[in-house]
């Protein structure tokens, strides 16, 4: 998740450049890169799949995403798939507490 706000006019090439140049990460890695606008009512998710990029866009008609206000010096935050779903669903994902995943055990 890229901290701060980003220009939502950018498409695949522009966001891939942000990932590589600003975040210092590989845009064709298996990660999903999430960007938000200044008004916190739009997000874009960029990710690489086999032989091309996907660009997912979401615009809220009401409300705002609970985007981190300040991540210190971090340009990006690592979030789980569950936390991303919470963010998209409008939850305060930073303070949500969920059951921790467990490894399955054999039944006796």
C-alpha atoms as a PDB file:
ATOM      1  CA  UNK A   1       0.000   0.000   0.000  1.00  0.00           C
ATOM      2  CA  UNK A   2       1.564   3.281  -1.097  1.00  0.00           C
ATOM      3  CA  UNK A   3       1.289   5.872   1.661  1.00  0.00           C
ATOM      4  CA  UNK A   4       0.158   9.409   0.959  1.00  0.00           C
ATOM      5  CA  UNK A   5      -1.966  10.394  -2.004  1.00  0.00           C
ATOM      6  CA  UNK A   6      -1.338   9.847  -5.688  1.00  0.00           C
ATOM      7  CA  UNK A   7      -2.550  11.262  -8.976  1.00  0.00           C
ATOM      8  CA  UNK A   8      -5.454   9.062 -10.059  1.00  0.00           C
ATOM      9  CA  UNK A   9      -5.008  10.187 -13.680  1.00  0.00           C
ATOM     10  CA  UNK A  10      -2.063   7.783 -13.879  1.00  0.00           C
ATOM     11  CA  UNK A  11      -2.703   4.511 -15.605  1.00  0.00           C
ATOM     12  CA  UNK A  12      -0.681   1.300 -15.714  1.00  0.00           C
ATOM     13  CA  UNK A  13       2.582   2.775 -17.010  1.00  0.00           C
ATOM     14  CA  UNK A  14       2.516   5.771 -14.650  1.00  0.00           C
ATOM     15  CA  UNK A  15       1.730   3.668 -11.586  1.00  0.00           C
ATOM     16  CA  UNK A  16       4.374   1.079 -12.540  1.00  0.00           C
ATOM     17  CA  UNK A  17       6.894   3.948 -12.640  1.00  0.00           C
ATOM     18  CA  UNK A  18       5.787   5.062  -9.159  1.00  0.00           C
ATOM     19  CA  UNK A  19       6.294   1.500  -7.906  1.00  0.00           C
ATOM     20  CA  UNK A  20       9.774   1.255  -9.436  1.00  0.00           C
ATOM     21  CA  UNK A  21      11.117   4.792  -8.966  1.00  0.00           C
ATOM     22  CA  UNK A  22       9.404   6.096  -5.825  1.00  0.00           C
ATOM     23  CA  UNK A  23       8.816   2.903  -3.856  1.00  0.00           C
ATOM     24  CA  UNK A  24      11.927   1.121  -5.148  1.00  0.00           C
ATOM     25  CA  UNK A  25       9.980  -2.096  -5.716  1.00  0.00           C
ATOM     26  CA  UNK A  26       9.583  -4.394  -8.701  1.00  0.00           C
ATOM     27  CA  UNK A  27       6.211  -3.788 -10.410  1.00  0.00           C
ATOM     28  CA  UNK A  28       6.174  -7.333 -11.847  1.00  0.00           C
ATOM     29  CA  UNK A  29       6.597  -8.930  -8.421  1.00  0.00           C
ATOM     30  CA  UNK A  30       3.667 -10.970  -7.037  1.00  0.00           C
ATOM     31  CA  UNK A  31       2.566  -8.042  -4.824  1.00  0.00           C
ATOM     32  CA  UNK A  32      -0.499  -5.870  -5.288  1.00  0.00           C
ATOM     33  CA  UNK A  33       0.229  -2.128  -5.191  1.00  0.00           C
ATOM     34  CA  UNK A  34      -2.587   0.014  -3.804  1.00  0.00           C
ATOM     35  CA  UNK A  35      -2.827   3.788  -4.360  1.00  0.00           C
ATOM     36  CA  UNK A  36      -5.310   6.354  -3.047  1.00  0.00           C
ATOM     37  CA  UNK A  37      -6.230   9.889  -4.111  1.00  0.00           C
ATOM     38  CA  UNK A  38      -6.147  13.029  -1.961  1.00  0.00           C
ATOM     39  CA  UNK A  39      -9.898  12.879  -1.255  1.00  0.00           C
ATOM     40  CA  UNK A  40      -9.613   9.237  -0.131  1.00  0.00           C
ATOM     41  CA  UNK A  41     -12.635   8.254  -2.181  1.00  0.00           C
ATOM     42  CA  UNK A  42     -10.745   6.448  -4.970  1.00  0.00           C
ATOM     43  CA  UNK A  43      -8.212   3.666  -4.991  1.00  0.00           C
ATOM     44  CA  UNK A  44      -6.326   1.890  -7.748  1.00  0.00           C
ATOM     45  CA  UNK A  45      -4.708  -1.513  -7.429  1.00  0.00           C
ATOM     46  CA  UNK A  46      -1.941  -2.500  -9.811  1.00  0.00           C
ATOM     47  CA  UNK A  47      -0.671  -6.056 -10.081  1.00  0.00           C
ATOM     48  CA  UNK A  48       1.156  -8.271 -12.539  1.00  0.00           C
ATOM     49  CA  UNK A  49      -0.448 -11.516 -13.681  1.00  0.00           C
ATOM     50  CA  UNK A  50       1.569 -13.967 -15.814  1.00  0.00           C
ATOM     51  CA  UNK A  51       2.112 -11.778 -18.873  1.00  0.00           C
ATOM     52  CA  UNK A  52       0.439  -8.455 -18.219  1.00  0.00           C
ATOM     53  CA  UNK A  53      -0.807  -5.931 -15.679  1.00  0.00           C
ATOM     54  CA  UNK A  54      -4.227  -5.664 -14.099  1.00  0.00           C
ATOM     55  CA  UNK A  55      -5.481  -2.263 -12.969  1.00  0.00           C
ATOM     56  CA  UNK A  56      -8.465  -2.306 -10.622  1.00  0.00           C
ATOM     57  CA  UNK A  57     -10.234   0.964  -9.801  1.00  0.00           C
ATOM     58  CA  UNK A  58     -12.746   1.728  -7.071  1.00  0.00           C
ATOM     59  CA  UNK A  59     -14.628   4.996  -6.546  1.00  0.00           C
ATOM     60  CA  UNK A  60     -16.855   5.556  -3.540  1.00  0.00           C
ATOM     61  CA  UNK A  61     -20.044   7.515  -4.127  1.00  0.00           C
ATOM     62  CA  UNK A  62     -20.262   8.253  -0.385  1.00  0.00           C
ATOM     63  CA  UNK A  63     -17.703   8.063   2.376  1.00  0.00           C
ATOM     64  CA  UNK A  64     -13.943   7.687   2.373  1.00  0.00           C
ATOM     65  CA  UNK A  65     -11.388   4.934   2.654  1.00  0.00           C
ATOM     66  CA  UNK A  66      -9.574   4.670   5.994  1.00  0.00           C
ATOM     67  CA  UNK A  67      -6.173   5.426   4.512  1.00  0.00           C
ATOM     68  CA  UNK A  68      -3.214   5.801   6.902  1.00  0.00           C
ATOM     69  CA  UNK A  69      -2.657   9.438   7.870  1.00  0.00           C
ATOM     70  CA  UNK A  70       1.025   9.132   8.547  1.00  0.00           C
ATOM     71  CA  UNK A  71       3.319   6.170   8.185  1.00  0.00           C
ATOM     72  CA  UNK A  72       6.428   7.993   9.355  1.00  0.00           C
ATOM     73  CA  UNK A  73       9.145   7.739   6.746  1.00  0.00           C
ATOM     74  CA  UNK A  74       7.615   4.678   5.088  1.00  0.00           C
ATOM     75  CA  UNK A  75       6.645   5.120   1.447  1.00  0.00           C
ATOM     76  CA  UNK A  76       4.721   1.842   1.489  1.00  0.00           C
ATOM     77  CA  UNK A  77       3.052  -0.395   4.041  1.00  0.00           C
ATOM     78  CA  UNK A  78       2.688  -4.150   3.757  1.00  0.00           C
ATOM     79  CA  UNK A  79      -0.875  -5.304   4.406  1.00  0.00           C
ATOM     80  CA  UNK A  80      -2.467  -8.717   4.261  1.00  0.00           C
ATOM     81  CA  UNK A  81      -5.187  -9.709   1.805  1.00  0.00           C
ATOM     82  CA  UNK A  82      -7.621  -9.637   4.731  1.00  0.00           C
ATOM     83  CA  UNK A  83      -6.615  -6.083   5.678  1.00  0.00           C
ATOM     84  CA  UNK A  84      -7.034  -4.996   2.053  1.00  0.00           C
ATOM     85  CA  UNK A  85     -10.551  -6.449   2.021  1.00  0.00           C
ATOM     86  CA  UNK A  86     -11.297  -4.560   5.247  1.00  0.00           C
ATOM     87  CA  UNK A  87     -10.007  -1.337   3.687  1.00  0.00           C
ATOM     88  CA  UNK A  88     -12.149  -1.815   0.580  1.00  0.00           C
ATOM     89  CA  UNK A  89     -15.167  -2.645   2.754  1.00  0.00           C
ATOM     90  CA  UNK A  90     -14.738   0.628   4.649  1.00  0.00           C
ATOM     91  CA  UNK A  91     -13.443  -0.770   7.916  1.00  0.00           C
ATOM     92  CA  UNK A  92     -10.689   0.739  10.035  1.00  0.00           C
ATOM     93  CA  UNK A  93      -8.252  -1.986   9.084  1.00  0.00           C
ATOM     94  CA  UNK A  94      -5.342  -0.585  11.137  1.00  0.00           C
ATOM     95  CA  UNK A  95      -7.023  -1.296  14.461  1.00  0.00           C
ATOM     96  CA  UNK A  96      -9.211  -4.270  13.548  1.00  0.00           C
ATOM     97  CA  UNK A  97      -8.497  -7.434  15.479  1.00  0.00           C
ATOM     98  CA  UNK A  98      -9.263 -10.774  13.892  1.00  0.00           C
ATOM     99  CA  UNK A  99      -8.716 -14.377  14.831  1.00  0.00           C
ATOM    100  CA  UNK A 100      -5.168 -15.407  13.978  1.00  0.00           C
ATOM    101  CA  UNK A 101      -4.804 -18.172  11.377  1.00  0.00           C
ATOM    102  CA  UNK A 102      -3.818 -21.607  12.673  1.00  0.00           C
ATOM    103  CA  UNK A 103      -2.221 -24.601  11.034  1.00  0.00           C
ATOM    104  CA  UNK A 104      -4.649 -27.528  10.818  1.00  0.00           C
ATOM    105  CA  UNK A 105      -4.197 -30.359  13.307  1.00  0.00           C
ATOM    106  CA  UNK A 106      -5.018 -34.006  12.945  1.00  0.00           C
ATOM    107  CA  UNK A 107      -8.155 -35.036  14.809  1.00  0.00           C
ATOM    108  CA  UNK A 108      -7.897 -37.869  17.348  1.00  0.00           C
END
